[in-house]
Amino acid sequence: MTTPRDLLIVSLDVPSAHPVGQGDLSLALAGAELIDLLRAGTLTVDADRVVPGAAAPEDATEPDDRLLREAGASLRREPPHESVEDWLWRRGNGLAAAYHSGLEADGLLVRQRHAWIPLRTGRTALVDSPARSRAAVRWRAGDPVLAGLAAALGIHDELAEDFGSLADESLVTVLAAVHHAVAELEAVRQRRSIEKAAFDNIWRG
């Protein structure tokens, strides 16, 4: 299993103060991919720049980690390399839906059925599986990377700037960028909401 999949499972399994938005989740999943690729040697983080490393994506990931291999293959190899935050916005586009589909394809996430509604509904539920158990163990152990990513989604009470025992500056850089991007997305939502309200008021006249 990968950090993105563990994060998705945690987002579905652990109660949060508010529903996790798909945009927020997509940004956090893109950050989780960076962290796994960083740990595998597929890339390094130089200041805030994502620099491809020596390990090829297919060598650094499990055979079934299609999305993570895809992420590694999409790294921009020619300078100037993109910033961590630019990566989050580019790679994160629609990423939550892609990981949801992956869990469904592997039978880890199923569409719920009701006796009085024979067709599948739009709601999904995790099934009991080794993958779900591993994610739960990692969560209960207080894994600082998983906790830091979850904090950006409002799942964890940890302060945004506190990443526990992490000593790797590159990991801290990625986590901080995820928190900043999620906060920026929320600011955009609020601004649009205010603009819409003002526009509606004009028409109410």
N, C-alpha and C. Protein backbone atom coordinates (compact mmCIF):
# COMPACT_ATOMS: atom_id res chain seq x y z
N MET A 1 0.84 -1.20 0.00
CA MET A 1 0.00 0.00 0.00
C MET A 1 0.88 1.25 0.00
N THR A 2 0.29 2.34 -0.44
CA THR A 2 1.01 3.60 -0.56
C THR A 2 0.41 4.63 0.39
N THR A 3 1.15 5.71 0.62
CA THR A 3 0.63 6.78 1.47
C THR A 3 -0.64 7.40 0.89
N PRO A 4 -0.73 7.63 -0.43
CA PRO A 4 -2.00 8.17 -0.95
C PRO A 4 -3.19 7.26 -0.64
N ARG A 5 -3.02 5.96 -0.82
CA ARG A 5 -4.13 5.05 -0.53
C ARG A 5 -4.44 5.02 0.96
N ASP A 6 -3.41 5.02 1.78
CA ASP A 6 -3.64 5.06 3.23
C ASP A 6 -4.39 6.33 3.61
N LEU A 7 -4.01 7.45 3.02
CA LEU A 7 -4.67 8.72 3.32
C LEU A 7 -6.13 8.69 2.88
N LEU A 8 -6.40 8.15 1.71
CA LEU A 8 -7.78 8.06 1.23
C LEU A 8 -8.61 7.20 2.16
N ILE A 9 -8.06 6.05 2.57
CA ILE A 9 -8.78 5.16 3.49
C ILE A 9 -9.06 5.88 4.81
N VAL A 10 -8.06 6.59 5.34
CA VAL A 10 -8.25 7.33 6.59
C VAL A 10 -9.33 8.40 6.42
N SER A 11 -9.33 9.09 5.28
CA SER A 11 -10.32 10.14 5.05
C SER A 11 -11.73 9.58 5.00
N LEU A 12 -11.87 8.32 4.62
CA LEU A 12 -13.18 7.67 4.57
C LEU A 12 -13.56 7.01 5.89
N ASP A 13 -12.56 6.70 6.69
CA ASP A 13 -12.77 5.87 7.88
C ASP A 13 -12.81 6.66 9.18
N VAL A 14 -12.15 7.81 9.22
CA VAL A 14 -12.00 8.56 10.47
C VAL A 14 -12.90 9.79 10.43
N PRO A 15 -13.73 9.99 11.45
CA PRO A 15 -14.61 11.17 11.47
C PRO A 15 -13.80 12.46 11.45
N SER A 16 -14.34 13.47 10.76
CA SER A 16 -13.69 14.78 10.74
C SER A 16 -14.71 15.85 11.12
N ALA A 17 -14.19 17.03 11.43
CA ALA A 17 -15.07 18.11 11.88
C ALA A 17 -16.01 18.56 10.78
N HIS A 18 -15.63 18.36 9.53
CA HIS A 18 -16.47 18.76 8.40
C HIS A 18 -16.18 17.81 7.25
N PRO A 19 -17.07 17.69 6.28
CA PRO A 19 -16.82 16.79 5.15
C PRO A 19 -15.53 17.17 4.42
N VAL A 20 -14.78 16.16 4.01
CA VAL A 20 -13.54 16.41 3.29
C VAL A 20 -13.87 16.73 1.83
N GLY A 21 -13.48 17.92 1.38
CA GLY A 21 -13.74 18.31 0.01
C GLY A 21 -12.85 17.55 -0.97
N GLN A 22 -13.38 17.28 -2.16
CA GLN A 22 -12.61 16.54 -3.15
C GLN A 22 -11.39 17.33 -3.62
N GLY A 23 -11.51 18.64 -3.71
CA GLY A 23 -10.36 19.44 -4.10
C GLY A 23 -9.25 19.39 -3.05
N ASP A 24 -9.64 19.52 -1.78
CA ASP A 24 -8.67 19.42 -0.69
C ASP A 24 -7.99 18.05 -0.70
N LEU A 25 -8.80 17.01 -0.85
CA LEU A 25 -8.27 15.65 -0.85
C LEU A 25 -7.32 15.43 -2.02
N SER A 26 -7.66 15.96 -3.19
CA SER A 26 -6.80 15.81 -4.35
C SER A 26 -5.43 16.44 -4.12
N LEU A 27 -5.40 17.63 -3.51
CA LEU A 27 -4.14 18.28 -3.20
C LEU A 27 -3.32 17.46 -2.21
N ALA A 28 -3.97 16.93 -1.18
CA ALA A 28 -3.27 16.13 -0.18
C ALA A 28 -2.75 14.82 -0.77
N LEU A 29 -3.53 14.21 -1.67
CA LEU A 29 -3.08 12.98 -2.32
C LEU A 29 -1.86 13.24 -3.20
N ALA A 30 -1.84 14.38 -3.89
CA ALA A 30 -0.67 14.74 -4.69
C ALA A 30 0.55 14.91 -3.79
N GLY A 31 0.35 15.48 -2.61
CA GLY A 31 1.45 15.60 -1.65
C GLY A 31 1.91 14.25 -1.15
N ALA A 32 0.95 13.34 -0.91
CA ALA A 32 1.29 11.99 -0.47
C ALA A 32 2.11 11.26 -1.53
N GLU A 33 1.77 11.48 -2.80
CA GLU A 33 2.56 10.87 -3.88
C GLU A 33 3.99 11.40 -3.85
N LEU A 34 4.14 12.70 -3.70
CA LEU A 34 5.49 13.29 -3.64
C LEU A 34 6.30 12.65 -2.52
N ILE A 35 5.68 12.45 -1.37
CA ILE A 35 6.38 11.89 -0.22
C ILE A 35 6.83 10.46 -0.51
N ASP A 36 5.96 9.66 -1.09
CA ASP A 36 6.36 8.28 -1.40
C ASP A 36 7.47 8.24 -2.45
N LEU A 37 7.38 9.10 -3.46
CA LEU A 37 8.41 9.15 -4.50
C LEU A 37 9.72 9.69 -3.93
N LEU A 38 9.62 10.62 -3.00
CA LEU A 38 10.81 11.15 -2.34
C LEU A 38 11.50 10.06 -1.54
N ARG A 39 10.75 9.30 -0.79
CA ARG A 39 11.31 8.22 0.02
C ARG A 39 11.88 7.10 -0.83
N ALA A 40 11.32 6.92 -2.03
CA ALA A 40 11.79 5.85 -2.91
C ALA A 40 12.99 6.28 -3.74
N GLY A 41 13.39 7.54 -3.69
CA GLY A 41 14.53 8.01 -4.45
C GLY A 41 14.20 8.42 -5.87
N THR A 42 12.89 8.50 -6.19
CA THR A 42 12.48 8.91 -7.52
C THR A 42 12.65 10.41 -7.72
N LEU A 43 12.70 11.16 -6.62
CA LEU A 43 12.89 12.61 -6.71
C LEU A 43 13.55 13.11 -5.45
N THR A 44 14.02 14.33 -5.52
CA THR A 44 14.49 15.06 -4.35
C THR A 44 13.79 16.41 -4.33
N VAL A 45 13.80 17.05 -3.18
CA VAL A 45 13.26 18.40 -3.06
C VAL A 45 14.42 19.32 -2.74
N ASP A 46 14.74 20.20 -3.68
CA ASP A 46 15.83 21.16 -3.53
C ASP A 46 15.21 22.52 -3.27
N ALA A 47 15.36 23.01 -2.04
CA ALA A 47 14.61 24.19 -1.59
C ALA A 47 13.13 23.84 -1.73
N ASP A 48 12.41 24.48 -2.66
CA ASP A 48 11.01 24.10 -2.84
C ASP A 48 10.78 23.52 -4.23
N ARG A 49 11.85 23.04 -4.89
CA ARG A 49 11.76 22.53 -6.24
C ARG A 49 11.78 21.01 -6.28
N VAL A 50 10.95 20.44 -7.16
CA VAL A 50 10.86 18.99 -7.31
C VAL A 50 11.84 18.56 -8.39
N VAL A 51 12.90 17.84 -8.00
CA VAL A 51 13.96 17.46 -8.92
C VAL A 51 13.96 15.94 -9.08
N PRO A 52 13.81 15.43 -10.30
CA PRO A 52 13.83 13.98 -10.51
C PRO A 52 15.12 13.36 -9.99
N GLY A 53 15.01 12.19 -9.36
CA GLY A 53 16.17 11.50 -8.81
C GLY A 53 16.66 10.39 -9.72
N ALA A 54 17.48 9.53 -9.16
CA ALA A 54 18.11 8.48 -9.96
C ALA A 54 17.18 7.29 -10.21
N ALA A 55 16.32 6.98 -9.24
CA ALA A 55 15.46 5.79 -9.36
C ALA A 55 14.32 6.04 -10.33
N ALA A 56 14.09 5.09 -11.23
CA ALA A 56 12.96 5.19 -12.15
C ALA A 56 11.67 4.85 -11.42
N PRO A 57 10.55 5.43 -11.80
CA PRO A 57 9.28 5.16 -11.11
C PRO A 57 8.95 3.69 -11.01
N GLU A 58 9.20 2.92 -12.09
CA GLU A 58 8.83 1.50 -12.07
C GLU A 58 9.72 0.69 -11.14
N ASP A 59 10.93 1.21 -10.85
CA ASP A 59 11.83 0.50 -9.93
C ASP A 59 11.54 0.84 -8.48
N ALA A 60 10.92 1.99 -8.24
CA ALA A 60 10.74 2.49 -6.87
C ALA A 60 9.37 2.18 -6.30
N THR A 61 8.48 1.60 -7.10
CA THR A 61 7.12 1.36 -6.64
C THR A 61 6.73 -0.09 -6.86
N GLU A 62 5.67 -0.50 -6.18
CA GLU A 62 5.15 -1.85 -6.37
C GLU A 62 4.51 -1.97 -7.75
N PRO A 63 4.46 -3.19 -8.32
CA PRO A 63 3.91 -3.36 -9.66
C PRO A 63 2.49 -2.85 -9.84
N ASP A 64 1.67 -2.90 -8.76
CA ASP A 64 0.27 -2.50 -8.90
C ASP A 64 0.02 -1.04 -8.54
N ASP A 65 1.10 -0.29 -8.25
CA ASP A 65 0.94 1.11 -7.89
C ASP A 65 0.88 1.96 -9.16
N ARG A 66 -0.16 1.76 -9.96
CA ARG A 66 -0.25 2.42 -11.26
C ARG A 66 -0.21 3.94 -11.13
N LEU A 67 -1.00 4.48 -10.21
CA LEU A 67 -1.07 5.93 -10.08
C LEU A 67 0.25 6.53 -9.59
N LEU A 68 0.93 5.81 -8.71
CA LEU A 68 2.21 6.32 -8.22
C LEU A 68 3.27 6.27 -9.32
N ARG A 69 3.25 5.23 -10.13
CA ARG A 69 4.17 5.17 -11.27
C ARG A 69 3.86 6.29 -12.26
N GLU A 70 2.57 6.53 -12.46
CA GLU A 70 2.15 7.62 -13.34
C GLU A 70 2.65 8.96 -12.81
N ALA A 71 2.57 9.13 -11.50
CA ALA A 71 3.05 10.37 -10.89
C ALA A 71 4.55 10.55 -11.13
N GLY A 72 5.31 9.48 -10.93
CA GLY A 72 6.75 9.55 -11.14
C GLY A 72 7.10 9.85 -12.58
N ALA A 73 6.34 9.26 -13.50
CA ALA A 73 6.61 9.48 -14.92
C ALA A 73 6.27 10.89 -15.36
N SER A 74 5.42 11.58 -14.59
CA SER A 74 4.98 12.93 -14.99
C SER A 74 5.88 14.03 -14.45
N LEU A 75 6.95 13.64 -13.72
CA LEU A 75 7.87 14.65 -13.20
C LEU A 75 8.52 15.43 -14.35
N ARG A 76 8.65 16.71 -14.18
CA ARG A 76 9.30 17.54 -15.19
C ARG A 76 10.81 17.44 -15.02
N ARG A 77 11.45 16.84 -16.00
CA ARG A 77 12.86 16.48 -15.87
C ARG A 77 13.82 17.56 -16.33
N GLU A 78 13.33 18.52 -17.08
CA GLU A 78 14.20 19.59 -17.56
C GLU A 78 14.02 20.83 -16.68
N PRO A 79 15.13 21.49 -16.33
CA PRO A 79 15.00 22.74 -15.58
C PRO A 79 14.37 23.83 -16.44
N PRO A 80 13.71 24.81 -15.86
CA PRO A 80 13.54 24.97 -14.40
C PRO A 80 12.49 24.01 -13.87
N HIS A 81 12.81 23.31 -12.78
CA HIS A 81 11.89 22.35 -12.20
C HIS A 81 10.76 23.08 -11.48
N GLU A 82 9.59 22.45 -11.45
CA GLU A 82 8.44 23.11 -10.84
C GLU A 82 8.53 23.07 -9.31
N SER A 83 7.86 24.01 -8.69
CA SER A 83 7.83 24.05 -7.23
C SER A 83 6.91 22.95 -6.70
N VAL A 84 7.07 22.64 -5.42
CA VAL A 84 6.21 21.64 -4.80
C VAL A 84 4.75 22.05 -4.94
N GLU A 85 4.46 23.33 -4.69
CA GLU A 85 3.06 23.76 -4.75
C GLU A 85 2.51 23.71 -6.18
N ASP A 86 3.35 24.03 -7.16
CA ASP A 86 2.90 23.90 -8.56
C ASP A 86 2.58 22.46 -8.88
N TRP A 87 3.40 21.54 -8.37
CA TRP A 87 3.13 20.10 -8.56
C TRP A 87 1.78 19.74 -7.96
N LEU A 88 1.49 20.21 -6.76
CA LEU A 88 0.23 19.86 -6.09
C LEU A 88 -0.96 20.27 -6.95
N TRP A 89 -0.91 21.48 -7.50
CA TRP A 89 -2.04 21.96 -8.30
C TRP A 89 -2.14 21.22 -9.63
N ARG A 90 -0.99 20.94 -10.25
CA ARG A 90 -1.03 20.26 -11.55
C ARG A 90 -1.42 18.80 -11.39
N ARG A 91 -0.71 18.09 -10.55
CA ARG A 91 -0.95 16.65 -10.38
C ARG A 91 -2.27 16.40 -9.66
N GLY A 92 -2.67 17.32 -8.78
CA GLY A 92 -3.87 17.10 -7.98
C GLY A 92 -5.17 17.21 -8.74
N ASN A 93 -5.15 17.71 -9.96
CA ASN A 93 -6.39 17.89 -10.72
C ASN A 93 -7.11 16.56 -10.94
N GLY A 94 -8.25 16.37 -10.24
CA GLY A 94 -9.04 15.15 -10.39
C GLY A 94 -8.45 13.92 -9.73
N LEU A 95 -7.43 14.10 -8.88
CA LEU A 95 -6.72 12.94 -8.34
C LEU A 95 -7.55 12.14 -7.34
N ALA A 96 -8.40 12.81 -6.57
CA ALA A 96 -9.24 12.08 -5.61
C ALA A 96 -10.14 11.08 -6.33
N ALA A 97 -10.73 11.49 -7.43
CA ALA A 97 -11.60 10.59 -8.20
C ALA A 97 -10.81 9.40 -8.73
N ALA A 98 -9.57 9.64 -9.17
CA ALA A 98 -8.74 8.56 -9.69
C ALA A 98 -8.42 7.54 -8.61
N TYR A 99 -8.11 8.00 -7.40
CA TYR A 99 -7.81 7.06 -6.31
C TYR A 99 -9.07 6.35 -5.83
N HIS A 100 -10.20 7.05 -5.82
CA HIS A 100 -11.46 6.38 -5.49
C HIS A 100 -11.72 5.24 -6.47
N SER A 101 -11.54 5.52 -7.74
CA SER A 101 -11.77 4.50 -8.76
C SER A 101 -10.82 3.32 -8.58
N GLY A 102 -9.59 3.62 -8.19
CA GLY A 102 -8.63 2.55 -7.95
C GLY A 102 -9.04 1.64 -6.81
N LEU A 103 -9.52 2.24 -5.72
CA LEU A 103 -9.99 1.42 -4.60
C LEU A 103 -11.19 0.57 -5.00
N GLU A 104 -12.09 1.15 -5.78
CA GLU A 104 -13.24 0.39 -6.26
C GLU A 104 -12.82 -0.77 -7.15
N ALA A 105 -11.89 -0.49 -8.06
CA ALA A 105 -11.43 -1.53 -8.99
C ALA A 105 -10.78 -2.69 -8.24
N ASP A 106 -10.14 -2.40 -7.12
CA ASP A 106 -9.48 -3.44 -6.32
C ASP A 106 -10.42 -4.07 -5.30
N GLY A 107 -11.69 -3.67 -5.30
CA GLY A 107 -12.66 -4.24 -4.38
C GLY A 107 -12.53 -3.78 -2.95
N LEU A 108 -11.81 -2.68 -2.72
CA LEU A 108 -11.62 -2.15 -1.37
C LEU A 108 -12.70 -1.14 -1.00
N LEU A 109 -13.41 -0.65 -2.00
CA LEU A 109 -14.46 0.35 -1.81
C LEU A 109 -15.64 -0.07 -2.67
N VAL A 110 -16.82 -0.19 -2.06
CA VAL A 110 -17.98 -0.68 -2.81
C VAL A 110 -19.12 0.32 -2.73
N ARG A 111 -19.93 0.31 -3.75
CA ARG A 111 -21.15 1.12 -3.75
C ARG A 111 -22.18 0.44 -2.87
N GLN A 112 -22.83 1.23 -2.03
CA GLN A 112 -23.80 0.66 -1.09
C GLN A 112 -25.11 0.32 -1.80
N ARG A 113 -25.73 -0.74 -1.34
CA ARG A 113 -27.03 -1.16 -1.86
C ARG A 113 -28.04 -1.17 -0.71
N HIS A 114 -29.29 -0.99 -1.04
CA HIS A 114 -30.36 -1.10 -0.06
C HIS A 114 -31.38 -2.11 -0.58
N ALA A 115 -32.01 -2.81 0.33
CA ALA A 115 -32.95 -3.85 -0.07
C ALA A 115 -34.08 -3.29 -0.93
N TRP A 116 -34.50 -2.06 -0.64
CA TRP A 116 -35.62 -1.48 -1.38
C TRP A 116 -35.15 -0.71 -2.64
N ILE A 117 -33.82 -0.62 -2.81
CA ILE A 117 -33.27 0.02 -4.02
C ILE A 117 -32.27 -0.96 -4.63
N PRO A 118 -32.71 -1.76 -5.59
CA PRO A 118 -31.83 -2.80 -6.11
C PRO A 118 -30.59 -2.26 -6.82
N LEU A 119 -30.66 -1.05 -7.40
CA LEU A 119 -29.50 -0.49 -8.08
C LEU A 119 -28.53 0.11 -7.07
N ARG A 120 -27.28 0.17 -7.45
CA ARG A 120 -26.28 0.76 -6.56
C ARG A 120 -26.54 2.25 -6.39
N THR A 121 -26.31 2.74 -5.20
CA THR A 121 -26.46 4.17 -4.93
C THR A 121 -25.12 4.86 -5.14
N GLY A 122 -25.12 6.17 -4.98
CA GLY A 122 -23.89 6.93 -5.18
C GLY A 122 -22.96 6.86 -3.98
N ARG A 123 -23.41 6.36 -2.85
CA ARG A 123 -22.58 6.32 -1.65
C ARG A 123 -21.67 5.11 -1.69
N THR A 124 -20.47 5.28 -1.16
CA THR A 124 -19.52 4.18 -1.12
C THR A 124 -19.14 3.86 0.31
N ALA A 125 -18.64 2.66 0.51
CA ALA A 125 -18.22 2.23 1.85
C ALA A 125 -16.99 1.35 1.72
N LEU A 126 -16.08 1.49 2.68
CA LEU A 126 -14.91 0.63 2.71
C LEU A 126 -15.30 -0.78 3.15
N VAL A 127 -14.65 -1.77 2.58
CA VAL A 127 -14.84 -3.14 3.02
C VAL A 127 -13.71 -3.49 3.97
N ASP A 128 -13.96 -4.48 4.84
CA ASP A 128 -12.87 -4.94 5.70
C ASP A 128 -11.84 -5.65 4.84
N SER A 129 -10.61 -5.21 4.95
CA SER A 129 -9.55 -5.74 4.10
C SER A 129 -8.21 -5.53 4.78
N PRO A 130 -7.18 -6.27 4.36
CA PRO A 130 -5.84 -6.02 4.91
C PRO A 130 -5.37 -4.59 4.68
N ALA A 131 -5.75 -4.01 3.53
CA ALA A 131 -5.35 -2.63 3.24
C ALA A 131 -5.95 -1.66 4.26
N ARG A 132 -7.22 -1.87 4.57
CA ARG A 132 -7.88 -1.01 5.55
C ARG A 132 -7.25 -1.18 6.93
N SER A 133 -6.91 -2.40 7.27
CA SER A 133 -6.28 -2.66 8.57
C SER A 133 -4.91 -2.02 8.66
N ARG A 134 -4.12 -2.11 7.58
CA ARG A 134 -2.78 -1.51 7.59
C ARG A 134 -2.87 0.00 7.73
N ALA A 135 -3.82 0.62 7.03
CA ALA A 135 -3.98 2.07 7.14
C ALA A 135 -4.38 2.45 8.57
N ALA A 136 -5.25 1.64 9.18
CA ALA A 136 -5.69 1.92 10.55
C ALA A 136 -4.54 1.79 11.54
N VAL A 137 -3.69 0.80 11.33
CA VAL A 137 -2.53 0.61 12.21
C VAL A 137 -1.59 1.80 12.09
N ARG A 138 -1.36 2.23 10.88
CA ARG A 138 -0.47 3.38 10.65
C ARG A 138 -1.05 4.64 11.28
N TRP A 139 -2.37 4.79 11.18
CA TRP A 139 -3.04 5.96 11.77
C TRP A 139 -2.95 5.93 13.28
N ARG A 140 -3.26 4.79 13.88
CA ARG A 140 -3.24 4.68 15.35
C ARG A 140 -1.83 4.84 15.90
N ALA A 141 -0.82 4.48 15.10
CA ALA A 141 0.56 4.61 15.54
C ALA A 141 1.03 6.07 15.51
N GLY A 142 0.21 6.94 14.95
CA GLY A 142 0.57 8.36 14.92
C GLY A 142 1.64 8.68 13.89
N ASP A 143 1.64 7.95 12.78
CA ASP A 143 2.60 8.23 11.72
C ASP A 143 2.58 9.73 11.40
N PRO A 144 3.72 10.43 11.55
CA PRO A 144 3.70 11.89 11.41
C PRO A 144 3.36 12.37 10.01
N VAL A 145 3.73 11.62 8.98
CA VAL A 145 3.39 12.02 7.61
C VAL A 145 1.89 11.91 7.39
N LEU A 146 1.32 10.77 7.76
CA LEU A 146 -0.11 10.57 7.59
C LEU A 146 -0.90 11.57 8.43
N ALA A 147 -0.43 11.81 9.65
CA ALA A 147 -1.10 12.78 10.53
C ALA A 147 -1.02 14.19 9.96
N GLY A 148 0.14 14.55 9.40
CA GLY A 148 0.30 15.88 8.84
C GLY A 148 -0.58 16.10 7.63
N LEU A 149 -0.70 15.09 6.76
CA LEU A 149 -1.58 15.20 5.60
C LEU A 149 -3.05 15.26 6.03
N ALA A 150 -3.40 14.43 7.00
CA ALA A 150 -4.78 14.41 7.48
C ALA A 150 -5.15 15.72 8.15
N ALA A 151 -4.18 16.35 8.81
CA ALA A 151 -4.44 17.63 9.48
C ALA A 151 -4.86 18.68 8.46
N ALA A 152 -4.28 18.63 7.27
CA ALA A 152 -4.65 19.59 6.23
C ALA A 152 -6.10 19.42 5.80
N LEU A 153 -6.64 18.23 6.00
CA LEU A 153 -8.02 17.93 5.61
C LEU A 153 -9.00 18.09 6.76
N GLY A 154 -8.51 18.51 7.92
CA GLY A 154 -9.38 18.68 9.08
C GLY A 154 -9.70 17.38 9.78
N ILE A 155 -8.95 16.34 9.48
CA ILE A 155 -9.22 15.04 10.10
C ILE A 155 -8.50 14.92 11.44
N HIS A 156 -7.43 15.66 11.61
CA HIS A 156 -6.58 15.53 12.79
C HIS A 156 -6.51 16.86 13.50
N ASP A 157 -6.37 16.84 14.81
CA ASP A 157 -6.32 18.07 15.59
C ASP A 157 -4.94 18.70 15.63
N GLU A 158 -3.98 18.03 15.06
CA GLU A 158 -2.61 18.54 15.07
C GLU A 158 -2.55 19.90 14.38
N LEU A 159 -1.76 20.81 14.95
CA LEU A 159 -1.61 22.13 14.35
C LEU A 159 -0.93 22.01 13.00
N ALA A 160 -1.33 22.87 12.08
CA ALA A 160 -0.82 22.80 10.70
C ALA A 160 0.70 22.89 10.65
N GLU A 161 1.30 23.69 11.53
CA GLU A 161 2.74 23.88 11.45
C GLU A 161 3.52 22.87 12.28
N ASP A 162 2.85 21.96 12.95
CA ASP A 162 3.52 21.00 13.82
C ASP A 162 3.50 19.63 13.16
N PHE A 163 4.65 19.17 12.68
CA PHE A 163 4.72 17.88 12.00
C PHE A 163 5.44 16.83 12.83
N GLY A 164 5.28 16.95 14.13
CA GLY A 164 5.74 15.92 15.04
C GLY A 164 7.24 15.72 15.00
N SER A 165 7.62 14.46 14.86
CA SER A 165 9.03 14.10 15.00
C SER A 165 9.78 14.11 13.66
N LEU A 166 9.19 14.64 12.62
CA LEU A 166 9.85 14.63 11.32
C LEU A 166 11.14 15.45 11.36
N ALA A 167 12.22 14.80 10.97
CA ALA A 167 13.50 15.50 10.93
C ALA A 167 13.92 15.80 9.49
N ASP A 168 13.26 15.19 8.53
CA ASP A 168 13.60 15.37 7.12
C ASP A 168 12.99 16.68 6.62
N GLU A 169 13.85 17.62 6.27
CA GLU A 169 13.37 18.94 5.85
C GLU A 169 12.53 18.87 4.58
N SER A 170 12.85 17.92 3.70
CA SER A 170 12.09 17.78 2.46
C SER A 170 10.65 17.36 2.74
N LEU A 171 10.47 16.44 3.68
CA LEU A 171 9.11 16.02 4.05
C LEU A 171 8.34 17.18 4.65
N VAL A 172 8.99 17.95 5.49
CA VAL A 172 8.34 19.11 6.10
C VAL A 172 7.94 20.11 5.02
N THR A 173 8.81 20.31 4.01
CA THR A 173 8.50 21.22 2.92
C THR A 173 7.25 20.79 2.18
N VAL A 174 7.13 19.49 1.90
CA VAL A 174 5.96 18.98 1.19
C VAL A 174 4.70 19.15 2.03
N LEU A 175 4.77 18.79 3.30
CA LEU A 175 3.60 18.91 4.17
C LEU A 175 3.17 20.37 4.31
N ALA A 176 4.12 21.25 4.47
CA ALA A 176 3.78 22.67 4.58
C ALA A 176 3.12 23.17 3.31
N ALA A 177 3.60 22.71 2.15
CA ALA A 177 3.01 23.13 0.87
C ALA A 177 1.58 22.62 0.74
N VAL A 178 1.32 21.41 1.21
CA VAL A 178 -0.05 20.87 1.18
C VAL A 178 -0.98 21.73 2.01
N HIS A 179 -0.55 22.07 3.22
CA HIS A 179 -1.37 22.91 4.09
C HIS A 179 -1.63 24.27 3.45
N HIS A 180 -0.61 24.85 2.84
CA HIS A 180 -0.77 26.16 2.22
C HIS A 180 -1.72 26.08 1.04
N ALA A 181 -1.59 25.04 0.21
CA ALA A 181 -2.46 24.91 -0.97
C ALA A 181 -3.91 24.70 -0.57
N VAL A 182 -4.15 23.88 0.46
CA VAL A 182 -5.52 23.65 0.92
C VAL A 182 -6.12 24.95 1.47
N ALA A 183 -5.31 25.71 2.22
CA ALA A 183 -5.79 26.99 2.75
C ALA A 183 -6.09 27.96 1.61
N GLU A 184 -5.27 27.94 0.56
CA GLU A 184 -5.49 28.81 -0.59
C GLU A 184 -6.78 28.44 -1.31
N LEU A 185 -7.03 27.14 -1.43
CA LEU A 185 -8.27 26.68 -2.07
C LEU A 185 -9.48 27.12 -1.28
N GLU A 186 -9.40 27.05 0.04
CA GLU A 186 -10.50 27.49 0.88
C GLU A 186 -10.72 28.99 0.74
N ALA A 187 -9.65 29.76 0.61
CA ALA A 187 -9.77 31.21 0.43
C ALA A 187 -10.47 31.52 -0.89
N VAL A 188 -10.17 30.74 -1.93
CA VAL A 188 -10.84 30.92 -3.22
C VAL A 188 -12.32 30.63 -3.09
N ARG A 189 -12.66 29.56 -2.38
CA ARG A 189 -14.08 29.21 -2.17
C ARG A 189 -14.82 30.34 -1.46
N GLN A 190 -14.20 30.87 -0.41
CA GLN A 190 -14.85 31.93 0.35
C GLN A 190 -15.03 33.19 -0.50
N ARG A 191 -14.02 33.52 -1.29
CA ARG A 191 -14.12 34.70 -2.14
C ARG A 191 -15.24 34.54 -3.16
N ARG A 192 -15.33 33.36 -3.75
CA ARG A 192 -16.40 33.12 -4.73
C ARG A 192 -17.77 33.16 -4.07
N SER A 193 -17.84 32.66 -2.84
CA SER A 193 -19.11 32.69 -2.12
C SER A 193 -19.55 34.12 -1.85
N ILE A 194 -18.59 34.97 -1.45
CA ILE A 194 -18.89 36.37 -1.19
C ILE A 194 -19.32 37.08 -2.47
N GLU A 195 -18.59 36.80 -3.57
CA GLU A 195 -18.93 37.43 -4.85
C GLU A 195 -20.31 37.01 -5.32
N LYS A 196 -20.64 35.72 -5.12
CA LYS A 196 -21.96 35.23 -5.53
C LYS A 196 -23.06 35.89 -4.72
N ALA A 197 -22.82 36.01 -3.40
CA ALA A 197 -23.80 36.64 -2.53
C ALA A 197 -24.02 38.10 -2.94
N ALA A 198 -22.93 38.80 -3.27
CA ALA A 198 -23.05 40.20 -3.68
C ALA A 198 -23.82 40.31 -4.98
N PHE A 199 -23.55 39.39 -5.92
CA PHE A 199 -24.24 39.39 -7.20
C PHE A 199 -25.74 39.14 -7.00
N ASP A 200 -26.07 38.16 -6.13
CA ASP A 200 -27.47 37.86 -5.85
C ASP A 200 -28.17 39.07 -5.24
N ASN A 201 -27.48 39.80 -4.37
CA ASN A 201 -28.06 40.97 -3.72
C ASN A 201 -28.39 42.06 -4.74
N ILE A 202 -27.50 42.18 -5.74
CA ILE A 202 -27.76 43.19 -6.78
C ILE A 202 -29.05 42.89 -7.50
N TRP A 203 -29.28 41.61 -7.83
CA TRP A 203 -30.48 41.25 -8.57
C TRP A 203 -31.73 41.31 -7.72
N ARG A 204 -31.56 41.12 -6.41
CA ARG A 204 -32.72 41.28 -5.53
C ARG A 204 -33.11 42.75 -5.43
N GLY A 205 -32.07 43.60 -5.62
CA GLY A 205 -32.23 45.03 -5.69
C GLY A 205 -32.98 45.67 -4.60
